[in-house]
Amino acid sequence: MLDLIVHTLAWALSLCTPRPRGRHRLNSLPPLRIVPTSPPPPRFTERLDGNASRLVRPYVLTPTELRRQRERRRAAYLASLGIDTGPKHI
């Protein structure tokens, strides 16, 4: 399959690229050699233990942080609509 893909790409490139002219012109393309390689070894050979690590969620916010984040998101959304929300007392 890979050999067919390589030959198809070589044919397509020969159509798109200009042919060399002159004295040192190549008569035919050399045969493409594909060297077989062994498959890579598996990355993980042992199972991971879920009990070995603590379950930590650093993204959990306090209620005041959630309120401030909600306000910032609302202000950004309204700013995208062209509505300016600023401090209550200027």
N, C-alpha and C. Protein backbone atom coordinates (compact mmCIF):
# COMPACT_ATOMS: atom_id res chain seq x y z
N MET A 1 0.82 -1.19 0.00
CA MET A 1 0.00 0.00 0.00
C MET A 1 0.87 1.26 0.00
N LEU A 2 1.92 1.23 0.83
CA LEU A 2 2.80 2.39 0.90
C LEU A 2 3.51 2.60 -0.43
N ASP A 3 3.87 1.49 -1.09
CA ASP A 3 4.53 1.58 -2.38
C ASP A 3 3.62 2.24 -3.41
N LEU A 4 2.34 1.91 -3.38
CA LEU A 4 1.39 2.51 -4.30
C LEU A 4 1.25 4.01 -4.04
N ILE A 5 1.22 4.40 -2.77
CA ILE A 5 1.10 5.82 -2.42
C ILE A 5 2.34 6.58 -2.88
N VAL A 6 3.52 6.00 -2.67
CA VAL A 6 4.76 6.67 -3.06
C VAL A 6 4.81 6.84 -4.57
N HIS A 7 4.43 5.81 -5.32
CA HIS A 7 4.46 5.92 -6.77
C HIS A 7 3.41 6.92 -7.29
N THR A 8 2.26 6.96 -6.63
CA THR A 8 1.24 7.91 -7.03
C THR A 8 1.71 9.34 -6.78
N LEU A 9 2.34 9.57 -5.62
CA LEU A 9 2.85 10.91 -5.33
C LEU A 9 3.98 11.29 -6.29
N ALA A 10 4.84 10.33 -6.62
CA ALA A 10 5.93 10.61 -7.57
C ALA A 10 5.36 10.97 -8.93
N TRP A 11 4.31 10.26 -9.35
CA TRP A 11 3.68 10.56 -10.64
C TRP A 11 3.05 11.95 -10.62
N ALA A 12 2.35 12.28 -9.51
CA ALA A 12 1.70 13.59 -9.41
C ALA A 12 2.74 14.71 -9.40
N LEU A 13 3.85 14.50 -8.71
CA LEU A 13 4.89 15.53 -8.70
C LEU A 13 5.56 15.66 -10.06
N SER A 14 5.67 14.55 -10.80
CA SER A 14 6.28 14.65 -12.13
C SER A 14 5.39 15.46 -13.07
N LEU A 15 4.07 15.44 -12.82
CA LEU A 15 3.18 16.25 -13.65
C LEU A 15 3.27 17.73 -13.29
N CYS A 16 3.50 18.03 -12.01
CA CYS A 16 3.49 19.42 -11.53
C CYS A 16 4.82 20.13 -11.70
N THR A 17 5.91 19.40 -11.69
CA THR A 17 7.22 20.04 -11.76
C THR A 17 7.74 20.02 -13.20
N PRO A 18 8.54 21.02 -13.55
CA PRO A 18 9.07 21.04 -14.92
C PRO A 18 10.12 19.95 -15.09
N ARG A 19 10.17 19.40 -16.31
CA ARG A 19 11.17 18.37 -16.59
C ARG A 19 12.51 19.04 -16.88
N PRO A 20 13.59 18.45 -16.40
CA PRO A 20 14.90 19.06 -16.66
C PRO A 20 15.26 18.94 -18.15
N ARG A 21 15.87 19.98 -18.66
CA ARG A 21 16.30 19.98 -20.06
C ARG A 21 17.81 20.08 -20.10
N GLY A 22 18.36 19.61 -21.14
CA GLY A 22 19.79 19.78 -21.31
C GLY A 22 20.55 18.47 -21.29
N ARG A 23 21.83 18.60 -21.12
CA ARG A 23 22.75 17.49 -21.27
C ARG A 23 22.69 16.49 -20.13
N HIS A 24 22.46 16.97 -18.91
CA HIS A 24 22.49 16.11 -17.74
C HIS A 24 21.09 15.69 -17.33
N ARG A 25 20.29 15.44 -18.29
CA ARG A 25 18.91 15.09 -18.03
C ARG A 25 18.80 13.64 -17.55
N LEU A 26 17.94 13.43 -16.57
CA LEU A 26 17.73 12.10 -16.03
C LEU A 26 16.72 11.37 -16.92
N ASN A 27 17.11 10.18 -17.40
CA ASN A 27 16.23 9.45 -18.31
C ASN A 27 15.04 8.83 -17.60
N SER A 28 15.25 8.24 -16.46
CA SER A 28 14.14 7.62 -15.73
C SER A 28 14.39 7.79 -14.24
N LEU A 29 13.33 7.67 -13.48
CA LEU A 29 13.45 7.79 -12.04
C LEU A 29 14.06 6.52 -11.47
N PRO A 30 14.97 6.65 -10.51
CA PRO A 30 15.51 5.44 -9.89
C PRO A 30 14.43 4.77 -9.05
N PRO A 31 14.49 3.45 -8.93
CA PRO A 31 13.46 2.77 -8.13
C PRO A 31 13.57 3.19 -6.67
N LEU A 32 12.41 3.39 -6.08
CA LEU A 32 12.36 3.80 -4.68
C LEU A 32 12.55 2.57 -3.80
N ARG A 33 13.46 2.67 -2.84
CA ARG A 33 13.70 1.56 -1.92
C ARG A 33 13.08 1.90 -0.58
N ILE A 34 12.27 1.01 -0.09
CA ILE A 34 11.64 1.18 1.22
C ILE A 34 12.26 0.15 2.15
N VAL A 35 12.90 0.66 3.19
CA VAL A 35 13.56 -0.22 4.15
C VAL A 35 12.55 -0.57 5.24
N PRO A 36 12.27 -1.86 5.42
CA PRO A 36 11.31 -2.22 6.47
C PRO A 36 11.92 -2.01 7.85
N THR A 37 11.13 -1.49 8.75
CA THR A 37 11.59 -1.27 10.12
C THR A 37 10.70 -2.05 11.07
N SER A 38 11.23 -2.32 12.23
CA SER A 38 10.45 -3.06 13.22
C SER A 38 9.49 -2.09 13.91
N PRO A 39 8.35 -2.58 14.38
CA PRO A 39 7.41 -1.69 15.06
C PRO A 39 8.00 -1.21 16.39
N PRO A 40 7.62 -0.02 16.83
CA PRO A 40 8.16 0.50 18.09
C PRO A 40 7.65 -0.33 19.27
N PRO A 41 8.43 -0.38 20.34
CA PRO A 41 7.98 -1.13 21.51
C PRO A 41 6.79 -0.43 22.16
N PRO A 42 5.94 -1.17 22.87
CA PRO A 42 4.80 -0.52 23.53
C PRO A 42 5.28 0.45 24.60
N ARG A 43 4.56 1.56 24.75
CA ARG A 43 4.98 2.58 25.71
C ARG A 43 4.74 2.17 27.15
N PHE A 44 3.56 1.66 27.42
CA PHE A 44 3.21 1.31 28.79
C PHE A 44 3.03 -0.19 28.87
N THR A 45 3.83 -0.82 29.70
CA THR A 45 3.72 -2.26 29.85
C THR A 45 3.02 -2.62 31.15
N GLU A 46 2.90 -1.69 32.06
CA GLU A 46 2.24 -1.99 33.33
C GLU A 46 1.03 -1.08 33.50
N ARG A 47 0.12 -1.51 34.32
CA ARG A 47 -1.10 -0.73 34.56
C ARG A 47 -0.82 0.37 35.58
N LEU A 48 -1.49 1.49 35.42
CA LEU A 48 -1.35 2.59 36.35
C LEU A 48 -2.27 2.38 37.54
N ASP A 49 -1.76 2.71 38.71
CA ASP A 49 -2.55 2.56 39.93
C ASP A 49 -3.21 3.90 40.25
N GLY A 50 -4.52 3.94 40.24
CA GLY A 50 -5.25 5.17 40.51
C GLY A 50 -5.22 5.57 41.96
N ASN A 51 -5.00 4.63 42.85
CA ASN A 51 -4.98 4.94 44.28
C ASN A 51 -3.66 5.56 44.72
N ALA A 52 -2.66 5.54 43.87
CA ALA A 52 -1.35 6.06 44.25
C ALA A 52 -1.30 7.59 44.20
N SER A 53 -2.21 8.22 43.49
CA SER A 53 -2.19 9.68 43.38
C SER A 53 -3.40 10.28 44.08
N ARG A 54 -3.21 11.49 44.60
CA ARG A 54 -4.32 12.19 45.25
C ARG A 54 -5.21 12.82 44.21
N LEU A 55 -6.47 12.91 44.52
CA LEU A 55 -7.39 13.61 43.64
C LEU A 55 -7.44 15.07 44.06
N VAL A 56 -6.83 15.92 43.26
CA VAL A 56 -6.76 17.34 43.58
C VAL A 56 -7.37 18.11 42.42
N ARG A 57 -8.27 19.01 42.74
CA ARG A 57 -8.87 19.86 41.72
C ARG A 57 -8.51 21.31 42.04
N PRO A 58 -7.41 21.81 41.48
CA PRO A 58 -6.98 23.17 41.80
C PRO A 58 -7.89 24.23 41.18
N TYR A 59 -8.78 23.86 40.29
CA TYR A 59 -9.63 24.82 39.62
C TYR A 59 -10.91 25.12 40.40
N VAL A 60 -11.12 24.47 41.53
CA VAL A 60 -12.31 24.73 42.33
C VAL A 60 -12.16 26.10 42.99
N LEU A 61 -13.15 26.97 42.81
CA LEU A 61 -13.08 28.32 43.32
C LEU A 61 -14.03 28.50 44.50
N THR A 62 -13.71 29.48 45.31
CA THR A 62 -14.60 29.83 46.42
C THR A 62 -15.79 30.59 45.85
N PRO A 63 -16.87 30.74 46.61
CA PRO A 63 -18.05 31.47 46.10
C PRO A 63 -17.75 32.91 45.70
N THR A 64 -16.88 33.61 46.44
CA THR A 64 -16.57 34.99 46.05
C THR A 64 -15.76 35.03 44.76
N GLU A 65 -14.85 34.06 44.58
CA GLU A 65 -14.08 34.01 43.33
C GLU A 65 -14.99 33.68 42.16
N LEU A 66 -15.98 32.80 42.39
CA LEU A 66 -16.93 32.48 41.34
C LEU A 66 -17.76 33.70 40.94
N ARG A 67 -18.17 34.50 41.93
CA ARG A 67 -18.96 35.70 41.65
C ARG A 67 -18.13 36.69 40.84
N ARG A 68 -16.86 36.89 41.24
CA ARG A 68 -16.00 37.83 40.49
C ARG A 68 -15.76 37.34 39.07
N GLN A 69 -15.56 36.02 38.92
CA GLN A 69 -15.35 35.47 37.59
C GLN A 69 -16.60 35.64 36.73
N ARG A 70 -17.77 35.43 37.32
CA ARG A 70 -19.03 35.61 36.60
C ARG A 70 -19.19 37.06 36.16
N GLU A 71 -18.82 38.01 37.06
CA GLU A 71 -18.90 39.43 36.71
C GLU A 71 -17.95 39.77 35.57
N ARG A 72 -16.75 39.25 35.61
CA ARG A 72 -15.78 39.51 34.54
C ARG A 72 -16.28 38.94 33.21
N ARG A 73 -16.83 37.73 33.26
CA ARG A 73 -17.33 37.13 32.02
C ARG A 73 -18.52 37.92 31.47
N ARG A 74 -19.40 38.36 32.35
CA ARG A 74 -20.55 39.14 31.91
C ARG A 74 -20.08 40.46 31.31
N ALA A 75 -19.09 41.12 31.93
CA ALA A 75 -18.57 42.38 31.40
C ALA A 75 -17.90 42.16 30.04
N ALA A 76 -17.18 41.05 29.88
CA ALA A 76 -16.55 40.77 28.59
C ALA A 76 -17.59 40.51 27.51
N TYR A 77 -18.65 39.78 27.87
CA TYR A 77 -19.71 39.51 26.90
C TYR A 77 -20.42 40.81 26.49
N LEU A 78 -20.75 41.64 27.46
CA LEU A 78 -21.41 42.89 27.14
C LEU A 78 -20.50 43.83 26.36
N ALA A 79 -19.19 43.78 26.64
CA ALA A 79 -18.25 44.61 25.88
C ALA A 79 -18.20 44.16 24.42
N SER A 80 -18.37 42.85 24.17
CA SER A 80 -18.38 42.38 22.78
C SER A 80 -19.62 42.88 22.04
N LEU A 81 -20.68 43.21 22.79
CA LEU A 81 -21.89 43.75 22.19
C LEU A 81 -21.85 45.27 22.10
N GLY A 82 -20.82 45.90 22.68
CA GLY A 82 -20.68 47.34 22.64
C GLY A 82 -21.26 48.04 23.84
N ILE A 83 -21.59 47.31 24.87
CA ILE A 83 -22.15 47.90 26.09
C ILE A 83 -21.04 47.99 27.12
N ASP A 84 -20.81 49.20 27.62
CA ASP A 84 -19.76 49.40 28.60
C ASP A 84 -20.32 49.27 29.98
N THR A 85 -19.75 48.34 30.76
CA THR A 85 -20.15 48.20 32.18
C THR A 85 -18.96 48.58 33.02
N GLY A 86 -19.14 49.58 33.86
CA GLY A 86 -18.04 50.04 34.67
C GLY A 86 -18.45 50.11 36.12
N PRO A 87 -17.67 50.81 36.91
CA PRO A 87 -18.02 50.94 38.32
C PRO A 87 -19.35 51.68 38.49
N LYS A 88 -20.01 51.36 39.57
CA LYS A 88 -21.34 51.98 39.81
C LYS A 88 -21.23 53.49 40.04
N HIS A 89 -20.20 53.90 40.80
CA HIS A 89 -20.02 55.32 41.12
C HIS A 89 -18.74 55.80 40.45
N ILE A 90 -18.90 56.74 39.53
CA ILE A 90 -17.72 57.29 38.84
C ILE A 90 -17.38 58.62 39.46
